[in-house]
Amino acid sequence: MGATYSTTAWSRSSIRGDTEAGLRLIRRLDESTDANADSEHWYLVAGSYGLLGDHENSVRALRWAVERGFFNYTAMEIDPQFDSFRDDPEFQHVLEIAKQKHDAFRKKHADKLPDRW
């Protein structure tokens, strides 16, 4: 199943209020995705799980995203997909790891980055 189809089908399920159908679709996408998929893909999966109320899988996918190079912690801090469990210690731990990676990247490349980054 392609990511675009799954995302569209999940969105339709979500709009109809069919959380279980949405979770089934996201789980199928999750299970069929190569673990080495692009980090942004895992961030999107994490957000989908978050919106559907599956906090455990959301944090797991978010951790995978961070481990694979998605460390935009400022986005994670305000992303409404994570609102319902933002205070969860495991979520906060993953957020801290993302912040450390972000800061290390910024320090390493400070001379090449614009001032506002």
PDB file of N, CA and C in Angstrom:
ATOM      1  N   MET A   1       0.854  -1.170   0.000  1.00  0.00           N
ATOM      2  CA  MET A   1       0.000   0.000   0.000  1.00  0.00           C
ATOM      3  C   MET A   1       0.896   1.227   0.000  1.00  0.00           C
ATOM      4  N   GLY A   2       0.611   2.162  -0.896  1.00  0.00           N
ATOM      5  CA  GLY A   2       1.421   3.357  -0.993  1.00  0.00           C
ATOM      6  C   GLY A   2       1.104   4.358   0.106  1.00  0.00           C
ATOM      7  N   ALA A   3       2.117   5.161   0.424  1.00  0.00           N
ATOM      8  CA  ALA A   3       1.952   6.149   1.495  1.00  0.00           C
ATOM      9  C   ALA A   3       0.862   7.157   1.162  1.00  0.00           C
ATOM     10  N   THR A   4       0.777   7.579  -0.096  1.00  0.00           N
ATOM     11  CA  THR A   4      -0.223   8.570  -0.470  1.00  0.00           C
ATOM     12  C   THR A   4      -1.628   8.010  -0.309  1.00  0.00           C
ATOM     13  N   TYR A   5      -1.848   6.777  -0.758  1.00  0.00           N
ATOM     14  CA  TYR A   5      -3.152   6.155  -0.605  1.00  0.00           C
ATOM     15  C   TYR A   5      -3.510   6.040   0.873  1.00  0.00           C
ATOM     16  N   SER A   6      -2.563   5.567   1.677  1.00  0.00           N
ATOM     17  CA  SER A   6      -2.824   5.382   3.104  1.00  0.00           C
ATOM     18  C   SER A   6      -3.156   6.694   3.780  1.00  0.00           C
ATOM     19  N   THR A   7      -2.406   7.729   3.450  1.00  0.00           N
ATOM     20  CA  THR A   7      -2.640   9.028   4.066  1.00  0.00           C
ATOM     21  C   THR A   7      -4.005   9.566   3.682  1.00  0.00           C
ATOM     22  N   THR A   8      -4.367   9.435   2.423  1.00  0.00           N
ATOM     23  CA  THR A   8      -5.675   9.902   1.966  1.00  0.00           C
ATOM     24  C   THR A   8      -6.791   9.105   2.630  1.00  0.00           C
ATOM     25  N   ALA A   9      -6.642   7.788   2.677  1.00  0.00           N
ATOM     26  CA  ALA A   9      -7.662   6.939   3.293  1.00  0.00           C
ATOM     27  C   ALA A   9      -7.750   7.225   4.787  1.00  0.00           C
ATOM     28  N   TRP A  10      -6.604   7.421   5.437  1.00  0.00           N
ATOM     29  CA  TRP A  10      -6.614   7.754   6.861  1.00  0.00           C
ATOM     30  C   TRP A  10      -7.343   9.072   7.084  1.00  0.00           C
ATOM     31  N   SER A  11      -7.069  10.061   6.234  1.00  0.00           N
ATOM     32  CA  SER A  11      -7.713  11.366   6.371  1.00  0.00           C
ATOM     33  C   SER A  11      -9.222  11.251   6.253  1.00  0.00           C
ATOM     34  N   ARG A  12      -9.680  10.466   5.303  1.00  0.00           N
ATOM     35  CA  ARG A  12     -11.127  10.277   5.139  1.00  0.00           C
ATOM     36  C   ARG A  12     -11.733   9.613   6.365  1.00  0.00           C
ATOM     37  N   SER A  13     -11.041   8.600   6.895  1.00  0.00           N
ATOM     38  CA  SER A  13     -11.532   7.926   8.101  1.00  0.00           C
ATOM     39  C   SER A  13     -11.598   8.897   9.266  1.00  0.00           C
ATOM     40  N   SER A  14     -10.582   9.725   9.379  1.00  0.00           N
ATOM     41  CA  SER A  14     -10.518  10.689  10.466  1.00  0.00           C
ATOM     42  C   SER A  14     -11.653  11.696  10.369  1.00  0.00           C
ATOM     43  N   ILE A  15     -11.908  12.178   9.176  1.00  0.00           N
ATOM     44  CA  ILE A  15     -12.985  13.157   8.962  1.00  0.00           C
ATOM     45  C   ILE A  15     -14.334  12.543   9.321  1.00  0.00           C
ATOM     46  N   ARG A  16     -14.514  11.276   8.994  1.00  0.00           N
ATOM     47  CA  ARG A  16     -15.778  10.592   9.314  1.00  0.00           C
ATOM     48  C   ARG A  16     -15.870  10.243  10.796  1.00  0.00           C
ATOM     49  N   GLY A  17     -14.772  10.438  11.530  1.00  0.00           N
ATOM     50  CA  GLY A  17     -14.779  10.104  12.950  1.00  0.00           C
ATOM     51  C   GLY A  17     -14.553   8.625  13.219  1.00  0.00           C
ATOM     52  N   ASP A  18     -14.074   7.893  12.231  1.00  0.00           N
ATOM     53  CA  ASP A  18     -13.837   6.458  12.375  1.00  0.00           C
ATOM     54  C   ASP A  18     -12.379   6.228  12.785  1.00  0.00           C
ATOM     55  N   THR A  19     -12.104   6.433  14.064  1.00  0.00           N
ATOM     56  CA  THR A  19     -10.743   6.327  14.584  1.00  0.00           C
ATOM     57  C   THR A  19     -10.165   4.943  14.361  1.00  0.00           C
ATOM     58  N   GLU A  20     -10.953   3.901  14.582  1.00  0.00           N
ATOM     59  CA  GLU A  20     -10.451   2.532  14.423  1.00  0.00           C
ATOM     60  C   GLU A  20     -10.010   2.256  12.988  1.00  0.00           C
ATOM     61  N   ALA A  21     -10.784   2.723  12.013  1.00  0.00           N
ATOM     62  CA  ALA A  21     -10.395   2.525  10.609  1.00  0.00           C
ATOM     63  C   ALA A  21      -9.110   3.290  10.316  1.00  0.00           C
ATOM     64  N   GLY A  22      -9.015   4.505  10.831  1.00  0.00           N
ATOM     65  CA  GLY A  22      -7.806   5.293  10.636  1.00  0.00           C
ATOM     66  C   GLY A  22      -6.591   4.617  11.244  1.00  0.00           C
ATOM     67  N   LEU A  23      -6.742   4.079  12.444  1.00  0.00           N
ATOM     68  CA  LEU A  23      -5.636   3.370  13.094  1.00  0.00           C
ATOM     69  C   LEU A  23      -5.231   2.127  12.313  1.00  0.00           C
ATOM     70  N   ARG A  24      -6.207   1.395  11.785  1.00  0.00           N
ATOM     71  CA  ARG A  24      -5.873   0.213  10.983  1.00  0.00           C
ATOM     72  C   ARG A  24      -5.033   0.603   9.772  1.00  0.00           C
ATOM     73  N   LEU A  25      -5.419   1.682   9.115  1.00  0.00           N
ATOM     74  CA  LEU A  25      -4.680   2.125   7.928  1.00  0.00           C
ATOM     75  C   LEU A  25      -3.274   2.594   8.278  1.00  0.00           C
ATOM     76  N   ILE A  26      -3.135   3.372   9.333  1.00  0.00           N
ATOM     77  CA  ILE A  26      -1.812   3.853   9.727  1.00  0.00           C
ATOM     78  C   ILE A  26      -0.942   2.679  10.177  1.00  0.00           C
ATOM     79  N   ARG A  27      -1.516   1.727  10.884  1.00  0.00           N
ATOM     80  CA  ARG A  27      -0.729   0.553  11.310  1.00  0.00           C
ATOM     81  C   ARG A  27      -0.258  -0.248  10.107  1.00  0.00           C
ATOM     82  N   ARG A  28      -1.112  -0.386   9.092  1.00  0.00           N
ATOM     83  CA  ARG A  28      -0.694  -1.096   7.876  1.00  0.00           C
ATOM     84  C   ARG A  28       0.453  -0.365   7.200  1.00  0.00           C
ATOM     85  N   LEU A  29       0.348   0.953   7.125  1.00  0.00           N
ATOM     86  CA  LEU A  29       1.430   1.745   6.536  1.00  0.00           C
ATOM     87  C   LEU A  29       2.697   1.595   7.374  1.00  0.00           C
ATOM     88  N   ASP A  30       2.565   1.703   8.669  1.00  0.00           N
ATOM     89  CA  ASP A  30       3.691   1.577   9.592  1.00  0.00           C
ATOM     90  C   ASP A  30       4.372   0.224   9.415  1.00  0.00           C
ATOM     91  N   GLU A  31       3.595  -0.836   9.419  1.00  0.00           N
ATOM     92  CA  GLU A  31       4.144  -2.191   9.344  1.00  0.00           C
ATOM     93  C   GLU A  31       4.750  -2.512   7.984  1.00  0.00           C
ATOM     94  N   SER A  32       4.295  -1.859   6.942  1.00  0.00           N
ATOM     95  CA  SER A  32       4.802  -2.154   5.607  1.00  0.00           C
ATOM     96  C   SER A  32       5.960  -1.248   5.198  1.00  0.00           C
ATOM     97  N   THR A  33       6.304  -0.296   6.033  1.00  0.00           N
ATOM     98  CA  THR A  33       7.363   0.651   5.713  1.00  0.00           C
ATOM     99  C   THR A  33       8.703   0.115   6.167  1.00  0.00           C
ATOM    100  N   ASP A  34       9.689   0.249   5.315  1.00  0.00           N
ATOM    101  CA  ASP A  34      11.058  -0.116   5.663  1.00  0.00           C
ATOM    102  C   ASP A  34      11.491   0.730   6.855  1.00  0.00           C
ATOM    103  N   ALA A  35      12.073   0.100   7.856  1.00  0.00           N
ATOM    104  CA  ALA A  35      12.503   0.813   9.061  1.00  0.00           C
ATOM    105  C   ALA A  35      13.490   1.936   8.737  1.00  0.00           C
ATOM    106  N   ASN A  36      14.169   1.853   7.618  1.00  0.00           N
ATOM    107  CA  ASN A  36      15.138   2.876   7.234  1.00  0.00           C
ATOM    108  C   ASN A  36      14.528   3.967   6.363  1.00  0.00           C
ATOM    109  N   ALA A  37      13.222   4.048   6.354  1.00  0.00           N
ATOM    110  CA  ALA A  37      12.540   5.079   5.558  1.00  0.00           C
ATOM    111  C   ALA A  37      12.984   6.462   6.006  1.00  0.00           C
ATOM    112  N   ASP A  38      12.750   7.423   5.163  1.00  0.00           N
ATOM    113  CA  ASP A  38      13.088   8.810   5.428  1.00  0.00           C
ATOM    114  C   ASP A  38      12.557   9.259   6.785  1.00  0.00           C
ATOM    115  N   SER A  39      13.336  10.056   7.482  1.00  0.00           N
ATOM    116  CA  SER A  39      12.963  10.497   8.828  1.00  0.00           C
ATOM    117  C   SER A  39      11.668  11.310   8.842  1.00  0.00           C
ATOM    118  N   GLU A  40      11.434  12.086   7.802  1.00  0.00           N
ATOM    119  CA  GLU A  40      10.198  12.871   7.765  1.00  0.00           C
ATOM    120  C   GLU A  40       8.976  11.963   7.650  1.00  0.00           C
ATOM    121  N   HIS A  41       9.133  10.857   6.957  1.00  0.00           N
ATOM    122  CA  HIS A  41       8.039   9.873   6.868  1.00  0.00           C
ATOM    123  C   HIS A  41       7.636   9.434   8.273  1.00  0.00           C
ATOM    124  N   TRP A  42       8.625   9.103   9.116  1.00  0.00           N
ATOM    125  CA  TRP A  42       8.326   8.638  10.472  1.00  0.00           C
ATOM    126  C   TRP A  42       7.708   9.745  11.312  1.00  0.00           C
ATOM    127  N   TYR A  43       8.105  11.002  11.046  1.00  0.00           N
ATOM    128  CA  TYR A  43       7.483  12.123  11.757  1.00  0.00           C
ATOM    129  C   TYR A  43       5.995  12.204  11.400  1.00  0.00           C
ATOM    130  N   LEU A  44       5.677  12.026  10.131  1.00  0.00           N
ATOM    131  CA  LEU A  44       4.278  12.068   9.691  1.00  0.00           C
ATOM    132  C   LEU A  44       3.480  10.903  10.271  1.00  0.00           C
ATOM    133  N   VAL A  45       4.095   9.728  10.336  1.00  0.00           N
ATOM    134  CA  VAL A  45       3.437   8.578  10.958  1.00  0.00           C
ATOM    135  C   VAL A  45       3.186   8.870  12.441  1.00  0.00           C
ATOM    136  N   ALA A  46       4.183   9.439  13.113  1.00  0.00           N
ATOM    137  CA  ALA A  46       4.034   9.790  14.535  1.00  0.00           C
ATOM    138  C   ALA A  46       2.871  10.751  14.733  1.00  0.00           C
ATOM    139  N   GLY A  47       2.765  11.748  13.875  1.00  0.00           N
ATOM    140  CA  GLY A  47       1.674  12.706  13.974  1.00  0.00           C
ATOM    141  C   GLY A  47       0.317  12.059  13.746  1.00  0.00           C
ATOM    142  N   SER A  48       0.264  11.147  12.803  1.00  0.00           N
ATOM    143  CA  SER A  48      -0.998  10.448  12.533  1.00  0.00           C
ATOM    144  C   SER A  48      -1.431   9.637  13.746  1.00  0.00           C
ATOM    145  N   TYR A  49      -0.497   8.894  14.308  1.00  0.00           N
ATOM    146  CA  TYR A  49      -0.809   8.146  15.530  1.00  0.00           C
ATOM    147  C   TYR A  49      -1.261   9.090  16.642  1.00  0.00           C
ATOM    148  N   GLY A  50      -0.583  10.212  16.768  1.00  0.00           N
ATOM    149  CA  GLY A  50      -0.933  11.172  17.809  1.00  0.00           C
ATOM    150  C   GLY A  50      -2.348  11.683  17.673  1.00  0.00           C
ATOM    151  N   LEU A  51      -2.728  12.046  16.463  1.00  0.00           N
ATOM    152  CA  LEU A  51      -4.082  12.549  16.229  1.00  0.00           C
ATOM    153  C   LEU A  51      -5.145  11.493  16.493  1.00  0.00           C
ATOM    154  N   LEU A  52      -4.774  10.241  16.266  1.00  0.00           N
ATOM    155  CA  LEU A  52      -5.729   9.155  16.456  1.00  0.00           C
ATOM    156  C   LEU A  52      -5.724   8.616  17.890  1.00  0.00           C
ATOM    157  N   GLY A  53      -4.897   9.207  18.754  1.00  0.00           N
ATOM    158  CA  GLY A  53      -4.912   8.834  20.164  1.00  0.00           C
ATOM    159  C   GLY A  53      -4.032   7.664  20.551  1.00  0.00           C
ATOM    160  N   ASP A  54      -3.182   7.189  19.628  1.00  0.00           N
ATOM    161  CA  ASP A  54      -2.271   6.085  19.944  1.00  0.00           C
ATOM    162  C   ASP A  54      -0.931   6.680  20.354  1.00  0.00           C
ATOM    163  N   HIS A  55      -0.843   7.078  21.604  1.00  0.00           N
ATOM    164  CA  HIS A  55       0.329   7.808  22.094  1.00  0.00           C
ATOM    165  C   HIS A  55       1.588   6.953  22.083  1.00  0.00           C
ATOM    166  N   GLU A  56       1.460   5.697  22.436  1.00  0.00           N
ATOM    167  CA  GLU A  56       2.626   4.814  22.494  1.00  0.00           C
ATOM    168  C   GLU A  56       3.282   4.693  21.112  1.00  0.00           C
ATOM    169  N   ASN A  57       2.489   4.406  20.091  1.00  0.00           N
ATOM    170  CA  ASN A  57       3.055   4.287  18.749  1.00  0.00           C
ATOM    171  C   ASN A  57       3.503   5.633  18.197  1.00  0.00           C
ATOM    172  N   SER A  58       2.851   6.692  18.618  1.00  0.00           N
ATOM    173  CA  SER A  58       3.263   8.023  18.188  1.00  0.00           C
ATOM    174  C   SER A  58       4.667   8.337  18.699  1.00  0.00           C
ATOM    175  N   VAL A  59       4.917   8.083  19.974  1.00  0.00           N
ATOM    176  CA  VAL A  59       6.235   8.352  20.547  1.00  0.00           C
ATOM    177  C   VAL A  59       7.282   7.430  19.922  1.00  0.00           C
ATOM    178  N   ARG A  60       6.918   6.182  19.674  1.00  0.00           N
ATOM    179  CA  ARG A  60       7.857   5.247  19.035  1.00  0.00           C
ATOM    180  C   ARG A  60       8.252   5.740  17.649  1.00  0.00           C
ATOM    181  N   ALA A  61       7.276   6.128  16.848  1.00  0.00           N
ATOM    182  CA  ALA A  61       7.567   6.618  15.496  1.00  0.00           C
ATOM    183  C   ALA A  61       8.339   7.934  15.545  1.00  0.00           C
ATOM    184  N   LEU A  62       8.018   8.773  16.519  1.00  0.00           N
ATOM    185  CA  LEU A  62       8.745  10.034  16.668  1.00  0.00           C
ATOM    186  C   LEU A  62      10.206   9.766  17.027  1.00  0.00           C
ATOM    187  N   ARG A  63      10.428   8.795  17.889  1.00  0.00           N
ATOM    188  CA  ARG A  63      11.801   8.422  18.237  1.00  0.00           C
ATOM    189  C   ARG A  63      12.554   7.952  16.977  1.00  0.00           C
ATOM    190  N   TRP A  64      11.898   7.152  16.164  1.00  0.00           N
ATOM    191  CA  TRP A  64      12.524   6.681  14.927  1.00  0.00           C
ATOM    192  C   TRP A  64      12.849   7.870  14.026  1.00  0.00           C
ATOM    193  N   ALA A  65      11.941   8.825  13.957  1.00  0.00           N
ATOM    194  CA  ALA A  65      12.176  10.016  13.130  1.00  0.00           C
ATOM    195  C   ALA A  65      13.428  10.755  13.605  1.00  0.00           C
ATOM    196  N   VAL A  66      13.536  10.944  14.902  1.00  0.00           N
ATOM    197  CA  VAL A  66      14.688  11.661  15.469  1.00  0.00           C
ATOM    198  C   VAL A  66      15.973  10.862  15.244  1.00  0.00           C
ATOM    199  N   GLU A  67      15.914   9.561  15.473  1.00  0.00           N
ATOM    200  CA  GLU A  67      17.096   8.719  15.278  1.00  0.00           C
ATOM    201  C   GLU A  67      17.569   8.721  13.836  1.00  0.00           C
ATOM    202  N   ARG A  68      16.657   8.936  12.902  1.00  0.00           N
ATOM    203  CA  ARG A  68      16.992   8.912  11.480  1.00  0.00           C
ATOM    204  C   ARG A  68      17.246  10.306  10.903  1.00  0.00           C
ATOM    205  N   GLY A  69      17.220  11.334  11.763  1.00  0.00           N
ATOM    206  CA  GLY A  69      17.645  12.649  11.306  1.00  0.00           C
ATOM    207  C   GLY A  69      16.623  13.760  11.302  1.00  0.00           C
ATOM    208  N   PHE A  70      15.397  13.510  11.757  1.00  0.00           N
ATOM    209  CA  PHE A  70      14.415  14.589  11.853  1.00  0.00           C
ATOM    210  C   PHE A  70      14.486  15.140  13.262  1.00  0.00           C
ATOM    211  N   PHE A  71      15.133  16.286  13.428  1.00  0.00           N
ATOM    212  CA  PHE A  71      15.303  16.825  14.772  1.00  0.00           C
ATOM    213  C   PHE A  71      14.871  18.280  14.864  1.00  0.00           C
ATOM    214  N   ASN A  72      13.790  18.607  14.187  1.00  0.00           N
ATOM    215  CA  ASN A  72      13.218  19.942  14.264  1.00  0.00           C
ATOM    216  C   ASN A  72      12.360  20.031  15.529  1.00  0.00           C
ATOM    217  N   TYR A  73      13.048  20.149  16.642  1.00  0.00           N
ATOM    218  CA  TYR A  73      12.335  20.112  17.923  1.00  0.00           C
ATOM    219  C   TYR A  73      11.378  21.284  18.094  1.00  0.00           C
ATOM    220  N   THR A  74      11.664  22.415  17.468  1.00  0.00           N
ATOM    221  CA  THR A  74      10.747  23.548  17.604  1.00  0.00           C
ATOM    222  C   THR A  74       9.388  23.218  16.988  1.00  0.00           C
ATOM    223  N   ALA A  75       9.393  22.464  15.907  1.00  0.00           N
ATOM    224  CA  ALA A  75       8.127  22.023  15.313  1.00  0.00           C
ATOM    225  C   ALA A  75       7.419  21.039  16.233  1.00  0.00           C
ATOM    226  N   MET A  76       8.183  20.124  16.808  1.00  0.00           N
ATOM    227  CA  MET A  76       7.604  19.130  17.716  1.00  0.00           C
ATOM    228  C   MET A  76       6.980  19.787  18.945  1.00  0.00           C
ATOM    229  N   GLU A  77       7.589  20.866  19.412  1.00  0.00           N
ATOM    230  CA  GLU A  77       7.090  21.556  20.606  1.00  0.00           C
ATOM    231  C   GLU A  77       5.706  22.149  20.397  1.00  0.00           C
ATOM    232  N   ILE A  78       5.399  22.554  19.177  1.00  0.00           N
ATOM    233  CA  ILE A  78       4.122  23.236  18.939  1.00  0.00           C
ATOM    234  C   ILE A  78       3.162  22.456  18.056  1.00  0.00           C
ATOM    235  N   ASP A  79       3.577  21.314  17.535  1.00  0.00           N
ATOM    236  CA  ASP A  79       2.731  20.530  16.638  1.00  0.00           C
ATOM    237  C   ASP A  79       1.491  20.043  17.383  1.00  0.00           C
ATOM    238  N   PRO A  80       0.296  20.456  16.960  1.00  0.00           N
ATOM    239  CA  PRO A  80      -0.934  20.074  17.683  1.00  0.00           C
ATOM    240  C   PRO A  80      -1.218  18.574  17.654  1.00  0.00           C
ATOM    241  N   GLN A  81      -0.555  17.845  16.778  1.00  0.00           N
ATOM    242  CA  GLN A  81      -0.760  16.395  16.729  1.00  0.00           C
ATOM    243  C   GLN A  81      -0.304  15.708  18.010  1.00  0.00           C
ATOM    244  N   PHE A  82       0.545  16.385  18.779  1.00  0.00           N
ATOM    245  CA  PHE A  82       1.083  15.810  20.007  1.00  0.00           C
ATOM    246  C   PHE A  82       0.501  16.450  21.265  1.00  0.00           C
ATOM    247  N   ASP A  83      -0.487  17.297  21.117  1.00  0.00           N
ATOM    248  CA  ASP A  83      -1.044  18.038  22.254  1.00  0.00           C
ATOM    249  C   ASP A  83      -1.563  17.148  23.373  1.00  0.00           C
ATOM    250  N   SER A  84      -2.202  16.049  23.032  1.00  0.00           N
ATOM    251  CA  SER A  84      -2.860  15.242  24.060  1.00  0.00           C
ATOM    252  C   SER A  84      -1.888  14.499  24.970  1.00  0.00           C
ATOM    253  N   PHE A  85      -0.614  14.461  24.603  1.00  0.00           N
ATOM    254  CA  PHE A  85       0.361  13.775  25.461  1.00  0.00           C
ATOM    255  C   PHE A  85       1.687  14.526  25.531  1.00  0.00           C
ATOM    256  N   ARG A  86       1.619  15.815  25.301  1.00  0.00           N
ATOM    257  CA  ARG A  86       2.828  16.649  25.294  1.00  0.00           C
ATOM    258  C   ARG A  86       3.602  16.565  26.610  1.00  0.00           C
ATOM    259  N   ASP A  87       2.928  16.384  27.739  1.00  0.00           N
ATOM    260  CA  ASP A  87       3.583  16.319  29.041  1.00  0.00           C
ATOM    261  C   ASP A  87       4.091  14.923  29.398  1.00  0.00           C
ATOM    262  N   ASP A  88       3.837  13.951  28.531  1.00  0.00           N
ATOM    263  CA  ASP A  88       4.289  12.582  28.772  1.00  0.00           C
ATOM    264  C   ASP A  88       5.822  12.553  28.879  1.00  0.00           C
ATOM    265  N   PRO A  89       6.376  11.911  29.903  1.00  0.00           N
ATOM    266  CA  PRO A  89       7.828  11.890  30.084  1.00  0.00           C
ATOM    267  C   PRO A  89       8.591  11.307  28.890  1.00  0.00           C
ATOM    268  N   GLU A  90       8.051  10.275  28.263  1.00  0.00           N
ATOM    269  CA  GLU A  90       8.741   9.675  27.109  1.00  0.00           C
ATOM    270  C   GLU A  90       8.753  10.641  25.927  1.00  0.00           C
ATOM    271  N   PHE A  91       7.639  11.343  25.706  1.00  0.00           N
ATOM    272  CA  PHE A  91       7.602  12.359  24.650  1.00  0.00           C
ATOM    273  C   PHE A  91       8.633  13.447  24.951  1.00  0.00           C
ATOM    274  N   GLN A  92       8.675  13.906  26.190  1.00  0.00           N
ATOM    275  CA  GLN A  92       9.631  14.934  26.579  1.00  0.00           C
ATOM    276  C   GLN A  92      11.068  14.457  26.398  1.00  0.00           C
ATOM    277  N   HIS A  93      11.321  13.183  26.649  1.00  0.00           N
ATOM    278  CA  HIS A  93      12.659  12.615  26.448  1.00  0.00           C
ATOM    279  C   HIS A  93      13.054  12.658  24.972  1.00  0.00           C
ATOM    280  N   VAL A  94      12.140  12.240  24.099  1.00  0.00           N
ATOM    281  CA  VAL A  94      12.415  12.278  22.659  1.00  0.00           C
ATOM    282  C   VAL A  94      12.621  13.722  22.205  1.00  0.00           C
ATOM    283  N   LEU A  95      11.823  14.634  22.719  1.00  0.00           N
ATOM    284  CA  LEU A  95      11.964  16.051  22.403  1.00  0.00           C
ATOM    285  C   LEU A  95      13.346  16.569  22.830  1.00  0.00           C
ATOM    286  N   GLU A  96      13.812  16.150  23.977  1.00  0.00           N
ATOM    287  CA  GLU A  96      15.145  16.568  24.456  1.00  0.00           C
ATOM    288  C   GLU A  96      16.253  16.033  23.551  1.00  0.00           C
ATOM    289  N   ILE A  97      16.124  14.799  23.097  1.00  0.00           N
ATOM    290  CA  ILE A  97      17.106  14.228  22.168  1.00  0.00           C
ATOM    291  C   ILE A  97      17.115  15.039  20.872  1.00  0.00           C
ATOM    292  N   ALA A  98      15.928  15.394  20.374  1.00  0.00           N
ATOM    293  CA  ALA A  98      15.832  16.203  19.150  1.00  0.00           C
ATOM    294  C   ALA A  98      16.497  17.562  19.364  1.00  0.00           C
ATOM    295  N   LYS A  99      16.287  18.165  20.519  1.00  0.00           N
ATOM    296  CA  LYS A  99      16.893  19.464  20.818  1.00  0.00           C
ATOM    297  C   LYS A  99      18.417  19.354  20.848  1.00  0.00           C
ATOM    298  N   GLN A 100      18.943  18.305  21.462  1.00  0.00           N
ATOM    299  CA  GLN A 100      20.393  18.103  21.506  1.00  0.00           C
ATOM    300  C   GLN A 100      20.969  17.948  20.102  1.00  0.00           C
ATOM    301  N   LYS A 101      20.286  17.180  19.257  1.00  0.00           N
ATOM    302  CA  LYS A 101      20.749  17.003  17.871  1.00  0.00           C
ATOM    303  C   LYS A 101      20.675  18.321  17.100  1.00  0.00           C
ATOM    304  N   HIS A 102      19.611  19.056  17.316  1.00  0.00           N
ATOM    305  CA  HIS A 102      19.439  20.353  16.665  1.00  0.00           C
ATOM    306  C   HIS A 102      20.568  21.299  17.070  1.00  0.00           C
ATOM    307  N   ASP A 103      20.828  21.377  18.364  1.00  0.00           N
ATOM    308  CA  ASP A 103      21.871  22.267  18.865  1.00  0.00           C
ATOM    309  C   ASP A 103      23.251  21.864  18.355  1.00  0.00           C
ATOM    310  N   ALA A 104      23.526  20.559  18.301  1.00  0.00           N
ATOM    311  CA  ALA A 104      24.817  20.079  17.799  1.00  0.00           C
ATOM    312  C   ALA A 104      24.986  20.425  16.314  1.00  0.00           C
ATOM    313  N   PHE A 105      23.922  20.252  15.544  1.00  0.00           N
ATOM    314  CA  PHE A 105      23.965  20.592  14.119  1.00  0.00           C
ATOM    315  C   PHE A 105      24.209  22.083  13.943  1.00  0.00           C
ATOM    316  N   ARG A 106      23.485  22.849  14.713  1.00  0.00           N
ATOM    317  CA  ARG A 106      23.618  24.307  14.623  1.00  0.00           C
ATOM    318  C   ARG A 106      25.036  24.754  14.981  1.00  0.00           C
ATOM    319  N   LYS A 107      25.601  24.174  16.024  1.00  0.00           N
ATOM    320  CA  LYS A 107      26.957  24.535  16.436  1.00  0.00           C
ATOM    321  C   LYS A 107      27.973  24.150  15.358  1.00  0.00           C
ATOM    322  N   LYS A 108      27.819  22.967  14.801  1.00  0.00           N
ATOM    323  CA  LYS A 108      28.752  22.467  13.788  1.00  0.00           C
ATOM    324  C   LYS A 108      28.707  23.313  12.519  1.00  0.00           C
ATOM    325  N   HIS A 109      27.530  23.807  12.171  1.00  0.00           N
ATOM    326  CA  HIS A 109      27.352  24.524  10.909  1.00  0.00           C
ATOM    327  C   HIS A 109      27.034  26.002  11.102  1.00  0.00           C
ATOM    328  N   ALA A 110      27.351  26.550  12.255  1.00  0.00           N
ATOM    329  CA  ALA A 110      26.993  27.936  12.585  1.00  0.00           C
ATOM    330  C   ALA A 110      27.472  28.939  11.544  1.00  0.00           C
ATOM    331  N   ASP A 111      28.643  28.713  10.992  1.00  0.00           N
ATOM    332  CA  ASP A 111      29.187  29.676  10.025  1.00  0.00           C
ATOM    333  C   ASP A 111      28.464  29.634   8.684  1.00  0.00           C
ATOM    334  N   LYS A 112      27.651  28.613   8.453  1.00  0.00           N
ATOM    335  CA  LYS A 112      26.954  28.465   7.178  1.00  0.00           C
ATOM    336  C   LYS A 112      25.455  28.734   7.270  1.00  0.00           C
ATOM    337  N   LEU A 113      24.954  28.916   8.481  1.00  0.00           N
ATOM    338  CA  LEU A 113      23.522  29.084   8.689  1.00  0.00           C
ATOM    339  C   LEU A 113      23.131  30.555   8.771  1.00  0.00           C
ATOM    340  N   PRO A 114      21.925  30.889   8.326  1.00  0.00           N
ATOM    341  CA  PRO A 114      21.456  32.263   8.503  1.00  0.00           C
ATOM    342  C   PRO A 114      21.265  32.548   9.995  1.00  0.00           C
ATOM    343  N   ASP A 115      21.321  33.784  10.362  1.00  0.00           N
ATOM    344  CA  ASP A 115      21.229  34.188  11.771  1.00  0.00           C
ATOM    345  C   ASP A 115      19.972  33.680  12.461  1.00  0.00           C
ATOM    346  N   ARG A 116      18.863  33.657  11.782  1.00  0.00           N
ATOM    347  CA  ARG A 116      17.593  33.267  12.430  1.00  0.00           C
ATOM    348  C   ARG A 116      17.414  31.773  12.568  1.00  0.00           C
ATOM    349  N   TRP A 117      18.272  30.959  12.026  1.00  0.00           N
ATOM    350  CA  TRP A 117      18.111  29.510  12.119  1.00  0.00           C
ATOM    351  C   TRP A 117      18.568  29.082  13.423  1.00  0.00           C
TER     352      TRP A 117
END
